[in-house]
Amino acid sequence: MKTSDIKKLIISSLDSGTDTGEYAGQLEKGGVTFSFSNDFRDQVLEKIFTAGIKLKRETEYLKNLNFVFRRIAISGVAAIIVLLISIFIMEGNISVNSFLGLKDSFDESIVCLLTGN
């Protein structure tokens, strides 16, 4: 059976009113055989379902990771804002000295305090 004949049979079998068993018989008469191994069905189903589960797990993992990142980022930004507001209220301005908790000191003394020299 030629490839064009097989294509015609496949296309004509797509009509809703046709009997597909008749076409399978014509294909077998033409020399086309349908032989699969015994566990073919199980292998195909296993591949389909494991791929779907893997994609679903990756999607859930990325969604959960995004949710956790947003929670941490929002709480981090809120903590920074609260820190800046508390420093501004206590010191009256926002500067490096107010961040370090130093009052009226020189830059050399900051280096001394940080390094221990």
PDB file of N, CA and C in Angstrom:
ATOM      1  N   MET A   1       0.861  -1.174   0.000  1.00  0.00           N
ATOM      2  CA  MET A   1       0.000   0.000   0.000  1.00  0.00           C
ATOM      3  C   MET A   1       0.899   1.227   0.000  1.00  0.00           C
ATOM      4  N   LYS A   2       0.563   2.178  -0.841  1.00  0.00           N
ATOM      5  CA  LYS A   2       1.354   3.386  -0.985  1.00  0.00           C
ATOM      6  C   LYS A   2       1.049   4.364   0.157  1.00  0.00           C
ATOM      7  N   THR A   3       1.991   5.273   0.358  1.00  0.00           N
ATOM      8  CA  THR A   3       1.838   6.276   1.409  1.00  0.00           C
ATOM      9  C   THR A   3       0.636   7.169   1.152  1.00  0.00           C
ATOM     10  N   SER A   4       0.388   7.510  -0.100  1.00  0.00           N
ATOM     11  CA  SER A   4      -0.754   8.379  -0.420  1.00  0.00           C
ATOM     12  C   SER A   4      -2.074   7.669  -0.111  1.00  0.00           C
ATOM     13  N   ASP A   5      -2.129   6.343  -0.343  1.00  0.00           N
ATOM     14  CA  ASP A   5      -3.351   5.589  -0.012  1.00  0.00           C
ATOM     15  C   ASP A   5      -3.584   5.571   1.493  1.00  0.00           C
ATOM     16  N   ILE A   6      -2.502   5.405   2.261  1.00  0.00           N
ATOM     17  CA  ILE A   6      -2.625   5.396   3.720  1.00  0.00           C
ATOM     18  C   ILE A   6      -3.102   6.756   4.212  1.00  0.00           C
ATOM     19  N   LYS A   7      -2.570   7.822   3.658  1.00  0.00           N
ATOM     20  CA  LYS A   7      -2.999   9.172   4.044  1.00  0.00           C
ATOM     21  C   LYS A   7      -4.481   9.383   3.748  1.00  0.00           C
ATOM     22  N   LYS A   8      -4.932   8.897   2.563  1.00  0.00           N
ATOM     23  CA  LYS A   8      -6.352   9.040   2.212  1.00  0.00           C
ATOM     24  C   LYS A   8      -7.238   8.282   3.191  1.00  0.00           C
ATOM     25  N   LEU A   9      -6.810   7.086   3.572  1.00  0.00           N
ATOM     26  CA  LEU A   9      -7.589   6.310   4.535  1.00  0.00           C
ATOM     27  C   LEU A   9      -7.658   7.003   5.896  1.00  0.00           C
ATOM     28  N   ILE A  10      -6.544   7.548   6.330  1.00  0.00           N
ATOM     29  CA  ILE A  10      -6.515   8.229   7.632  1.00  0.00           C
ATOM     30  C   ILE A  10      -7.408   9.462   7.605  1.00  0.00           C
ATOM     31  N   ILE A  11      -7.323  10.236   6.537  1.00  0.00           N
ATOM     32  CA  ILE A  11      -8.128  11.456   6.440  1.00  0.00           C
ATOM     33  C   ILE A  11      -9.606  11.118   6.345  1.00  0.00           C
ATOM     34  N   SER A  12      -9.939  10.094   5.573  1.00  0.00           N
ATOM     35  CA  SER A  12     -11.348   9.727   5.450  1.00  0.00           C
ATOM     36  C   SER A  12     -11.882   9.095   6.733  1.00  0.00           C
ATOM     37  N   SER A  13     -11.026   8.525   7.557  1.00  0.00           N
ATOM     38  CA  SER A  13     -11.490   7.939   8.816  1.00  0.00           C
ATOM     39  C   SER A  13     -11.839   8.995   9.861  1.00  0.00           C
ATOM     40  N   LEU A  14     -11.471  10.239   9.622  1.00  0.00           N
ATOM     41  CA  LEU A  14     -11.765  11.307  10.571  1.00  0.00           C
ATOM     42  C   LEU A  14     -13.216  11.773  10.511  1.00  0.00           C
ATOM     43  N   ASP A  15     -13.943  11.390   9.466  1.00  0.00           N
ATOM     44  CA  ASP A  15     -15.362  11.740   9.376  1.00  0.00           C
ATOM     45  C   ASP A  15     -16.124  11.035  10.483  1.00  0.00           C
ATOM     46  N   SER A  16     -17.105  11.707  11.025  1.00  0.00           N
ATOM     47  CA  SER A  16     -17.837  11.163  12.180  1.00  0.00           C
ATOM     48  C   SER A  16     -18.720   9.963  11.831  1.00  0.00           C
ATOM     49  N   GLY A  17     -19.154   9.827  10.599  1.00  0.00           N
ATOM     50  CA  GLY A  17     -20.077   8.753  10.236  1.00  0.00           C
ATOM     51  C   GLY A  17     -19.410   7.509   9.686  1.00  0.00           C
ATOM     52  N   THR A  18     -18.106   7.408   9.735  1.00  0.00           N
ATOM     53  CA  THR A  18     -17.418   6.262   9.139  1.00  0.00           C
ATOM     54  C   THR A  18     -17.120   5.193  10.167  1.00  0.00           C
ATOM     55  N   ASP A  19     -16.959   3.972   9.681  1.00  0.00           N
ATOM     56  CA  ASP A  19     -16.621   2.836  10.529  1.00  0.00           C
ATOM     57  C   ASP A  19     -15.108   2.645  10.461  1.00  0.00           C
ATOM     58  N   THR A  20     -14.435   2.876  11.562  1.00  0.00           N
ATOM     59  CA  THR A  20     -12.971   2.797  11.567  1.00  0.00           C
ATOM     60  C   THR A  20     -12.462   1.369  11.503  1.00  0.00           C
ATOM     61  N   GLY A  21     -13.245   0.403  11.908  1.00  0.00           N
ATOM     62  CA  GLY A  21     -12.831  -0.990  11.815  1.00  0.00           C
ATOM     63  C   GLY A  21     -12.617  -1.413  10.376  1.00  0.00           C
ATOM     64  N   GLU A  22     -13.404  -0.867   9.485  1.00  0.00           N
ATOM     65  CA  GLU A  22     -13.272  -1.167   8.060  1.00  0.00           C
ATOM     66  C   GLU A  22     -11.932  -0.676   7.525  1.00  0.00           C
ATOM     67  N   TYR A  23     -11.518   0.499   7.968  1.00  0.00           N
ATOM     68  CA  TYR A  23     -10.240   1.046   7.511  1.00  0.00           C
ATOM     69  C   TYR A  23      -9.062   0.252   8.060  1.00  0.00           C
ATOM     70  N   ALA A  24      -9.179  -0.207   9.295  1.00  0.00           N
ATOM     71  CA  ALA A  24      -8.113  -1.027   9.862  1.00  0.00           C
ATOM     72  C   ALA A  24      -7.951  -2.311   9.067  1.00  0.00           C
ATOM     73  N   GLY A  25      -9.076  -2.900   8.629  1.00  0.00           N
ATOM     74  CA  GLY A  25      -9.019  -4.108   7.789  1.00  0.00           C
ATOM     75  C   GLY A  25      -8.358  -3.830   6.456  1.00  0.00           C
ATOM     76  N   GLN A  26      -8.664  -2.691   5.858  1.00  0.00           N
ATOM     77  CA  GLN A  26      -8.041  -2.337   4.573  1.00  0.00           C
ATOM     78  C   GLN A  26      -6.535  -2.134   4.739  1.00  0.00           C
ATOM     79  N   LEU A  27      -6.123  -1.526   5.853  1.00  0.00           N
ATOM     80  CA  LEU A  27      -4.696  -1.330   6.093  1.00  0.00           C
ATOM     81  C   LEU A  27      -3.976  -2.665   6.281  1.00  0.00           C
ATOM     82  N   GLU A  28      -4.613  -3.598   6.988  1.00  0.00           N
ATOM     83  CA  GLU A  28      -3.997  -4.903   7.191  1.00  0.00           C
ATOM     84  C   GLU A  28      -3.899  -5.676   5.879  1.00  0.00           C
ATOM     85  N   LYS A  29      -4.905  -5.539   5.004  1.00  0.00           N
ATOM     86  CA  LYS A  29      -4.836  -6.182   3.684  1.00  0.00           C
ATOM     87  C   LYS A  29      -3.723  -5.583   2.839  1.00  0.00           C
ATOM     88  N   GLY A  30      -3.449  -4.312   3.054  1.00  0.00           N
ATOM     89  CA  GLY A  30      -2.400  -3.628   2.305  1.00  0.00           C
ATOM     90  C   GLY A  30      -1.001  -3.941   2.808  1.00  0.00           C
ATOM     91  N   GLY A  31      -0.893  -4.655   3.921  1.00  0.00           N
ATOM     92  CA  GLY A  31       0.423  -5.035   4.431  1.00  0.00           C
ATOM     93  C   GLY A  31       0.869  -4.266   5.653  1.00  0.00           C
ATOM     94  N   VAL A  32       0.016  -3.425   6.196  1.00  0.00           N
ATOM     95  CA  VAL A  32       0.360  -2.664   7.387  1.00  0.00           C
ATOM     96  C   VAL A  32      -0.003  -3.498   8.611  1.00  0.00           C
ATOM     97  N   THR A  33       0.958  -3.671   9.491  1.00  0.00           N
ATOM     98  CA  THR A  33       0.704  -4.448  10.701  1.00  0.00           C
ATOM     99  C   THR A  33       0.821  -3.546  11.923  1.00  0.00           C
ATOM    100  N   PHE A  34       0.032  -3.868  12.907  1.00  0.00           N
ATOM    101  CA  PHE A  34       0.055  -3.132  14.166  1.00  0.00           C
ATOM    102  C   PHE A  34       0.510  -4.093  15.252  1.00  0.00           C
ATOM    103  N   SER A  35       1.788  -4.163  15.482  1.00  0.00           N
ATOM    104  CA  SER A  35       2.278  -5.064  16.533  1.00  0.00           C
ATOM    105  C   SER A  35       3.106  -4.251  17.521  1.00  0.00           C
ATOM    106  N   PHE A  36       2.693  -4.297  18.753  1.00  0.00           N
ATOM    107  CA  PHE A  36       3.395  -3.610  19.822  1.00  0.00           C
ATOM    108  C   PHE A  36       3.786  -4.638  20.861  1.00  0.00           C
ATOM    109  N   SER A  37       4.773  -4.301  21.661  1.00  0.00           N
ATOM    110  CA  SER A  37       5.169  -5.222  22.721  1.00  0.00           C
ATOM    111  C   SER A  37       4.077  -5.282  23.781  1.00  0.00           C
ATOM    112  N   ASN A  38       4.169  -6.277  24.649  1.00  0.00           N
ATOM    113  CA  ASN A  38       3.120  -6.488  25.655  1.00  0.00           C
ATOM    114  C   ASN A  38       2.997  -5.330  26.627  1.00  0.00           C
ATOM    115  N   ASP A  39       4.122  -4.706  26.984  1.00  0.00           N
ATOM    116  CA  ASP A  39       4.074  -3.629  27.972  1.00  0.00           C
ATOM    117  C   ASP A  39       4.125  -2.236  27.341  1.00  0.00           C
ATOM    118  N   PHE A  40       3.770  -2.139  26.054  1.00  0.00           N
ATOM    119  CA  PHE A  40       3.799  -0.853  25.356  1.00  0.00           C
ATOM    120  C   PHE A  40       2.864   0.155  26.006  1.00  0.00           C
ATOM    121  N   ARG A  41       1.631  -0.277  26.291  1.00  0.00           N
ATOM    122  CA  ARG A  41       0.642   0.614  26.886  1.00  0.00           C
ATOM    123  C   ARG A  41       1.120   1.147  28.237  1.00  0.00           C
ATOM    124  N   ASP A  42       1.676   0.249  29.052  1.00  0.00           N
ATOM    125  CA  ASP A  42       2.155   0.658  30.367  1.00  0.00           C
ATOM    126  C   ASP A  42       3.307   1.650  30.266  1.00  0.00           C
ATOM    127  N   GLN A  43       4.188   1.425  29.301  1.00  0.00           N
ATOM    128  CA  GLN A  43       5.322   2.341  29.123  1.00  0.00           C
ATOM    129  C   GLN A  43       4.856   3.725  28.693  1.00  0.00           C
ATOM    130  N   VAL A  44       3.905   3.763  27.779  1.00  0.00           N
ATOM    131  CA  VAL A  44       3.395   5.059  27.311  1.00  0.00           C
ATOM    132  C   VAL A  44       2.705   5.799  28.446  1.00  0.00           C
ATOM    133  N   LEU A  45       1.859   5.126  29.188  1.00  0.00           N
ATOM    134  CA  LEU A  45       1.161   5.775  30.297  1.00  0.00           C
ATOM    135  C   LEU A  45       2.131   6.238  31.371  1.00  0.00           C
ATOM    136  N   GLU A  46       3.163   5.449  31.623  1.00  0.00           N
ATOM    137  CA  GLU A  46       4.157   5.839  32.623  1.00  0.00           C
ATOM    138  C   GLU A  46       4.885   7.106  32.207  1.00  0.00           C
ATOM    139  N   LYS A  47       5.260   7.191  30.936  1.00  0.00           N
ATOM    140  CA  LYS A  47       5.945   8.392  30.437  1.00  0.00           C
ATOM    141  C   LYS A  47       5.043   9.619  30.516  1.00  0.00           C
ATOM    142  N   ILE A  48       3.790   9.448  30.172  1.00  0.00           N
ATOM    143  CA  ILE A  48       2.858  10.582  30.177  1.00  0.00           C
ATOM    144  C   ILE A  48       2.645  11.097  31.596  1.00  0.00           C
ATOM    145  N   PHE A  49       2.358  10.207  32.520  1.00  0.00           N
ATOM    146  CA  PHE A  49       2.030  10.648  33.874  1.00  0.00           C
ATOM    147  C   PHE A  49       3.247  11.121  34.646  1.00  0.00           C
ATOM    148  N   THR A  50       4.419  10.539  34.444  1.00  0.00           N
ATOM    149  CA  THR A  50       5.604  11.023  35.166  1.00  0.00           C
ATOM    150  C   THR A  50       6.018  12.393  34.658  1.00  0.00           C
ATOM    151  N   ALA A  51       5.864  12.654  33.374  1.00  0.00           N
ATOM    152  CA  ALA A  51       6.200  13.977  32.851  1.00  0.00           C
ATOM    153  C   ALA A  51       5.248  15.021  33.414  1.00  0.00           C
ATOM    154  N   GLY A  52       3.966  14.703  33.507  1.00  0.00           N
ATOM    155  CA  GLY A  52       2.993  15.642  34.055  1.00  0.00           C
ATOM    156  C   GLY A  52       3.246  15.934  35.516  1.00  0.00           C
ATOM    157  N   ILE A  53       3.596  14.917  36.280  1.00  0.00           N
ATOM    158  CA  ILE A  53       3.867  15.106  37.704  1.00  0.00           C
ATOM    159  C   ILE A  53       5.121  15.948  37.886  1.00  0.00           C
ATOM    160  N   LYS A  54       6.148  15.710  37.058  1.00  0.00           N
ATOM    161  CA  LYS A  54       7.391  16.460  37.173  1.00  0.00           C
ATOM    162  C   LYS A  54       7.168  17.936  36.880  1.00  0.00           C
ATOM    163  N   LEU A  55       6.390  18.233  35.829  1.00  0.00           N
ATOM    164  CA  LEU A  55       6.098  19.625  35.501  1.00  0.00           C
ATOM    165  C   LEU A  55       5.276  20.282  36.595  1.00  0.00           C
ATOM    166  N   LYS A  56       4.333  19.537  37.155  1.00  0.00           N
ATOM    167  CA  LYS A  56       3.505  20.094  38.216  1.00  0.00           C
ATOM    168  C   LYS A  56       4.343  20.395  39.451  1.00  0.00           C
ATOM    169  N   ARG A  57       5.275  19.505  39.785  1.00  0.00           N
ATOM    170  CA  ARG A  57       6.135  19.740  40.945  1.00  0.00           C
ATOM    171  C   ARG A  57       7.018  20.955  40.736  1.00  0.00           C
ATOM    172  N   GLU A  58       7.581  21.107  39.531  1.00  0.00           N
ATOM    173  CA  GLU A  58       8.422  22.272  39.257  1.00  0.00           C
ATOM    174  C   GLU A  58       7.606  23.556  39.343  1.00  0.00           C
ATOM    175  N   THR A  59       6.400  23.535  38.818  1.00  0.00           N
ATOM    176  CA  THR A  59       5.546  24.726  38.859  1.00  0.00           C
ATOM    177  C   THR A  59       5.182  25.078  40.296  1.00  0.00           C
ATOM    178  N   GLU A  60       4.825  24.068  41.090  1.00  0.00           N
ATOM    179  CA  GLU A  60       4.489  24.323  42.491  1.00  0.00           C
ATOM    180  C   GLU A  60       5.705  24.841  43.249  1.00  0.00           C
ATOM    181  N   TYR A  61       6.890  24.281  42.987  1.00  0.00           N
ATOM    182  CA  TYR A  61       8.101  24.718  43.674  1.00  0.00           C
ATOM    183  C   TYR A  61       8.398  26.180  43.354  1.00  0.00           C
ATOM    184  N   LEU A  62       8.305  26.558  42.079  1.00  0.00           N
ATOM    185  CA  LEU A  62       8.585  27.943  41.705  1.00  0.00           C
ATOM    186  C   LEU A  62       7.540  28.901  42.283  1.00  0.00           C
ATOM    187  N   LYS A  63       6.282  28.469  42.328  1.00  0.00           N
ATOM    188  CA  LYS A  63       5.241  29.325  42.899  1.00  0.00           C
ATOM    189  C   LYS A  63       5.476  29.529  44.396  1.00  0.00           C
ATOM    190  N   ASN A  64       5.816  28.445  45.098  1.00  0.00           N
ATOM    191  CA  ASN A  64       6.086  28.560  46.531  1.00  0.00           C
ATOM    192  C   ASN A  64       7.331  29.387  46.804  1.00  0.00           C
ATOM    193  N   LEU A  65       8.363  29.218  45.965  1.00  0.00           N
ATOM    194  CA  LEU A  65       9.586  29.997  46.134  1.00  0.00           C
ATOM    195  C   LEU A  65       9.311  31.480  45.922  1.00  0.00           C
ATOM    196  N   ASN A  66       8.521  31.798  44.931  1.00  0.00           N
ATOM    197  CA  ASN A  66       8.154  33.190  44.670  1.00  0.00           C
ATOM    198  C   ASN A  66       7.360  33.768  45.837  1.00  0.00           C
ATOM    199  N   PHE A  67       6.427  32.992  46.391  1.00  0.00           N
ATOM    200  CA  PHE A  67       5.630  33.437  47.529  1.00  0.00           C
ATOM    201  C   PHE A  67       6.514  33.707  48.748  1.00  0.00           C
ATOM    202  N   VAL A  68       7.443  32.792  49.034  1.00  0.00           N
ATOM    203  CA  VAL A  68       8.332  32.950  50.189  1.00  0.00           C
ATOM    204  C   VAL A  68       9.247  34.155  49.992  1.00  0.00           C
ATOM    205  N   PHE A  69       9.772  34.329  48.771  1.00  0.00           N
ATOM    206  CA  PHE A  69      10.644  35.474  48.507  1.00  0.00           C
ATOM    207  C   PHE A  69       9.908  36.788  48.731  1.00  0.00           C
ATOM    208  N   ARG A  70       8.672  36.864  48.274  1.00  0.00           N
ATOM    209  CA  ARG A  70       7.905  38.099  48.472  1.00  0.00           C
ATOM    210  C   ARG A  70       7.676  38.379  49.949  1.00  0.00           C
ATOM    211  N   ARG A  71       7.357  37.329  50.706  1.00  0.00           N
ATOM    212  CA  ARG A  71       7.130  37.523  52.146  1.00  0.00           C
ATOM    213  C   ARG A  71       8.387  38.038  52.830  1.00  0.00           C
ATOM    214  N   ILE A  72       9.539  37.441  52.498  1.00  0.00           N
ATOM    215  CA  ILE A  72      10.794  37.860  53.121  1.00  0.00           C
ATOM    216  C   ILE A  72      11.175  39.261  52.668  1.00  0.00           C
ATOM    217  N   ALA A  73      11.017  39.552  51.386  1.00  0.00           N
ATOM    218  CA  ALA A  73      11.382  40.871  50.866  1.00  0.00           C
ATOM    219  C   ALA A  73      10.517  41.966  51.477  1.00  0.00           C
ATOM    220  N   ILE A  74       9.231  41.726  51.579  1.00  0.00           N
ATOM    221  CA  ILE A  74       8.334  42.746  52.145  1.00  0.00           C
ATOM    222  C   ILE A  74       8.648  42.973  53.620  1.00  0.00           C
ATOM    223  N   SER A  75       8.878  41.897  54.365  1.00  0.00           N
ATOM    224  CA  SER A  75       9.193  42.085  55.783  1.00  0.00           C
ATOM    225  C   SER A  75      10.565  42.736  55.958  1.00  0.00           C
ATOM    226  N   GLY A  76      11.514  42.446  55.082  1.00  0.00           N
ATOM    227  CA  GLY A  76      12.831  43.097  55.139  1.00  0.00           C
ATOM    228  C   GLY A  76      12.738  44.589  54.871  1.00  0.00           C
ATOM    229  N   VAL A  77      11.975  44.966  53.866  1.00  0.00           N
ATOM    230  CA  VAL A  77      11.791  46.386  53.562  1.00  0.00           C
ATOM    231  C   VAL A  77      11.082  47.087  54.717  1.00  0.00           C
ATOM    232  N   ALA A  78      10.095  46.433  55.309  1.00  0.00           N
ATOM    233  CA  ALA A  78       9.391  47.030  56.450  1.00  0.00           C
ATOM    234  C   ALA A  78      10.345  47.220  57.628  1.00  0.00           C
ATOM    235  N   ALA A  79      11.236  46.255  57.879  1.00  0.00           N
ATOM    236  CA  ALA A  79      12.200  46.381  58.977  1.00  0.00           C
ATOM    237  C   ALA A  79      13.169  47.532  58.721  1.00  0.00           C
ATOM    238  N   ILE A  80      13.611  47.699  57.489  1.00  0.00           N
ATOM    239  CA  ILE A  80      14.517  48.803  57.157  1.00  0.00           C
ATOM    240  C   ILE A  80      13.822  50.145  57.356  1.00  0.00           C
ATOM    241  N   ILE A  81      12.574  50.247  56.946  1.00  0.00           N
ATOM    242  CA  ILE A  81      11.835  51.509  57.118  1.00  0.00           C
ATOM    243  C   ILE A  81      11.640  51.828  58.594  1.00  0.00           C
ATOM    244  N   VAL A  82      11.293  50.819  59.396  1.00  0.00           N
ATOM    245  CA  VAL A  82      11.124  51.036  60.838  1.00  0.00           C
ATOM    246  C   VAL A  82      12.448  51.459  61.462  1.00  0.00           C
ATOM    247  N   LEU A  83      13.551  50.860  61.053  1.00  0.00           N
ATOM    248  CA  LEU A  83      14.875  51.236  61.569  1.00  0.00           C
ATOM    249  C   LEU A  83      15.213  52.680  61.215  1.00  0.00           C
ATOM    250  N   LEU A  84      14.969  53.073  59.979  1.00  0.00           N
ATOM    251  CA  LEU A  84      15.255  54.451  59.567  1.00  0.00           C
ATOM    252  C   LEU A  84      14.393  55.448  60.338  1.00  0.00           C
ATOM    253  N   ILE A  85      13.130  55.117  60.525  1.00  0.00           N
ATOM    254  CA  ILE A  85      12.243  56.021  61.275  1.00  0.00           C
ATOM    255  C   ILE A  85      12.695  56.135  62.729  1.00  0.00           C
ATOM    256  N   SER A  86      13.070  55.009  63.342  1.00  0.00           N
ATOM    257  CA  SER A  86      13.503  55.076  64.750  1.00  0.00           C
ATOM    258  C   SER A  86      14.811  55.851  64.900  1.00  0.00           C
ATOM    259  N   ILE A  87      15.730  55.688  63.959  1.00  0.00           N
ATOM    260  CA  ILE A  87      16.979  56.466  64.009  1.00  0.00           C
ATOM    261  C   ILE A  87      16.679  57.948  63.838  1.00  0.00           C
ATOM    262  N   PHE A  88      15.811  58.285  62.904  1.00  0.00           N
ATOM    263  CA  PHE A  88      15.475  59.685  62.681  1.00  0.00           C
ATOM    264  C   PHE A  88      14.807  60.291  63.916  1.00  0.00           C
ATOM    265  N   ILE A  89      13.932  59.557  64.580  1.00  0.00           N
ATOM    266  CA  ILE A  89      13.245  60.074  65.766  1.00  0.00           C
ATOM    267  C   ILE A  89      14.240  60.270  66.914  1.00  0.00           C
ATOM    268  N   MET A  90      15.165  59.318  67.111  1.00  0.00           N
ATOM    269  CA  MET A  90      16.090  59.401  68.242  1.00  0.00           C
ATOM    270  C   MET A  90      17.209  60.416  68.012  1.00  0.00           C
ATOM    271  N   GLU A  91      17.727  60.500  66.800  1.00  0.00           N
ATOM    272  CA  GLU A  91      18.883  61.358  66.543  1.00  0.00           C
ATOM    273  C   GLU A  91      18.505  62.692  65.910  1.00  0.00           C
ATOM    274  N   GLY A  92      17.414  62.764  65.265  1.00  0.00           N
ATOM    275  CA  GLY A  92      17.011  64.011  64.617  1.00  0.00           C
ATOM    276  C   GLY A  92      17.475  64.106  63.178  1.00  0.00           C
ATOM    277  N   ASN A  93      18.361  63.237  62.751  1.00  0.00           N
ATOM    278  CA  ASN A  93      18.804  63.205  61.360  1.00  0.00           C
ATOM    279  C   ASN A  93      19.262  61.780  61.016  1.00  0.00           C
ATOM    280  N   ILE A  94      19.455  61.555  59.747  1.00  0.00           N
ATOM    281  CA  ILE A  94      19.921  60.241  59.298  1.00  0.00           C
ATOM    282  C   ILE A  94      21.304  60.426  58.690  1.00  0.00           C
ATOM    283  N   SER A  95      22.326  59.884  59.349  1.00  0.00           N
ATOM    284  CA  SER A  95      23.704  59.973  58.866  1.00  0.00           C
ATOM    285  C   SER A  95      24.435  58.693  59.242  1.00  0.00           C
ATOM    286  N   VAL A  96      25.708  58.600  58.816  1.00  0.00           N
ATOM    287  CA  VAL A  96      26.520  57.420  59.136  1.00  0.00           C
ATOM    288  C   VAL A  96      26.720  57.321  60.641  1.00  0.00           C
ATOM    289  N   ASN A  97      26.969  58.447  61.279  1.00  0.00           N
ATOM    290  CA  ASN A  97      27.179  58.444  62.732  1.00  0.00           C
ATOM    291  C   ASN A  97      25.937  57.982  63.479  1.00  0.00           C
ATOM    292  N   SER A  98      24.779  58.383  62.996  1.00  0.00           N
ATOM    293  CA  SER A  98      23.563  57.950  63.680  1.00  0.00           C
ATOM    294  C   SER A  98      23.305  56.459  63.451  1.00  0.00           C
ATOM    295  N   PHE A  99      23.688  55.930  62.291  1.00  0.00           N
ATOM    296  CA  PHE A  99      23.576  54.486  62.059  1.00  0.00           C
ATOM    297  C   PHE A  99      24.482  53.702  62.992  1.00  0.00           C
ATOM    298  N   LEU A 100      25.692  54.197  63.217  1.00  0.00           N
ATOM    299  CA  LEU A 100      26.648  53.491  64.073  1.00  0.00           C
ATOM    300  C   LEU A 100      26.422  53.767  65.553  1.00  0.00           C
ATOM    301  N   GLY A 101      25.572  54.731  65.869  1.00  0.00           N
ATOM    302  CA  GLY A 101      25.280  55.042  67.257  1.00  0.00           C
ATOM    303  C   GLY A 101      26.328  55.946  67.883  1.00  0.00           C
ATOM    304  N   LEU A 102      27.065  56.694  67.073  1.00  0.00           N
ATOM    305  CA  LEU A 102      28.114  57.587  67.568  1.00  0.00           C
ATOM    306  C   LEU A 102      27.607  59.025  67.529  1.00  0.00           C
ATOM    307  N   LYS A 103      28.080  59.812  68.496  1.00  0.00           N
ATOM    308  CA  LYS A 103      27.687  61.212  68.536  1.00  0.00           C
ATOM    309  C   LYS A 103      28.939  62.068  68.513  1.00  0.00           C
ATOM    310  N   ASP A 104      28.929  63.075  67.667  1.00  0.00           N
ATOM    311  CA  ASP A 104      29.998  64.065  67.589  1.00  0.00           C
ATOM    312  C   ASP A 104      31.386  63.416  67.583  1.00  0.00           C
ATOM    313  N   SER A 105      31.641  62.574  66.642  1.00  0.00           N
ATOM    314  CA  SER A 105      32.949  61.933  66.548  1.00  0.00           C
ATOM    315  C   SER A 105      33.531  62.166  65.164  1.00  0.00           C
ATOM    316  N   PHE A 106      34.809  61.987  65.064  1.00  0.00           N
ATOM    317  CA  PHE A 106      35.504  62.175  63.801  1.00  0.00           C
ATOM    318  C   PHE A 106      35.582  60.847  63.063  1.00  0.00           C
ATOM    319  N   ASP A 107      35.864  60.942  61.756  1.00  0.00           N
ATOM    320  CA  ASP A 107      35.945  59.723  60.947  1.00  0.00           C
ATOM    321  C   ASP A 107      37.099  58.831  61.385  1.00  0.00           C
ATOM    322  N   GLU A 108      38.211  59.428  61.870  1.00  0.00           N
ATOM    323  CA  GLU A 108      39.348  58.618  62.312  1.00  0.00           C
ATOM    324  C   GLU A 108      38.962  57.794  63.529  1.00  0.00           C
ATOM    325  N   SER A 109      38.135  58.362  64.407  1.00  0.00           N
ATOM    326  CA  SER A 109      37.753  57.616  65.602  1.00  0.00           C
ATOM    327  C   SER A 109      36.816  56.461  65.235  1.00  0.00           C
ATOM    328  N   ILE A 110      36.055  56.604  64.164  1.00  0.00           N
ATOM    329  CA  ILE A 110      35.176  55.501  63.724  1.00  0.00           C
ATOM    330  C   ILE A 110      36.040  54.342  63.250  1.00  0.00           C
ATOM    331  N   VAL A 111      37.100  54.656  62.485  1.00  0.00           N
ATOM    332  CA  VAL A 111      37.998  53.604  62.024  1.00  0.00           C
ATOM    333  C   VAL A 111      38.677  52.942  63.228  1.00  0.00           C
ATOM    334  N   CYS A 112      39.053  53.723  64.187  1.00  0.00           N
ATOM    335  CA  CYS A 112      39.673  53.180  65.392  1.00  0.00           C
ATOM    336  C   CYS A 112      38.716  52.260  66.140  1.00  0.00           C
ATOM    337  N   LEU A 113      37.471  52.671  66.271  1.00  0.00           N
ATOM    338  CA  LEU A 113      36.499  51.854  66.984  1.00  0.00           C
ATOM    339  C   LEU A 113      36.197  50.558  66.245  1.00  0.00           C
ATOM    340  N   LEU A 114      36.150  50.600  64.927  1.00  0.00           N
ATOM    341  CA  LEU A 114      35.820  49.414  64.153  1.00  0.00           C
ATOM    342  C   LEU A 114      36.984  48.434  64.072  1.00  0.00           C
ATOM    343  N   THR A 115      38.205  48.936  63.972  1.00  0.00           N
ATOM    344  CA  THR A 115      39.356  48.026  63.811  1.00  0.00           C
ATOM    345  C   THR A 115      40.005  47.665  65.140  1.00  0.00           C
ATOM    346  N   GLY A 116      39.798  48.459  66.160  1.00  0.00           N
ATOM    347  CA  GLY A 116      40.400  48.171  67.470  1.00  0.00           C
ATOM    348  C   GLY A 116      41.799  48.760  67.619  1.00  0.00           C
ATOM    349  N   ASN A 117      42.259  49.586  66.677  1.00  0.00           N
ATOM    350  CA  ASN A 117      43.599  50.186  66.757  1.00  0.00           C
ATOM    351  C   ASN A 117      43.532  51.597  67.311  1.00  0.00           C
TER     352      ASN A 117
END
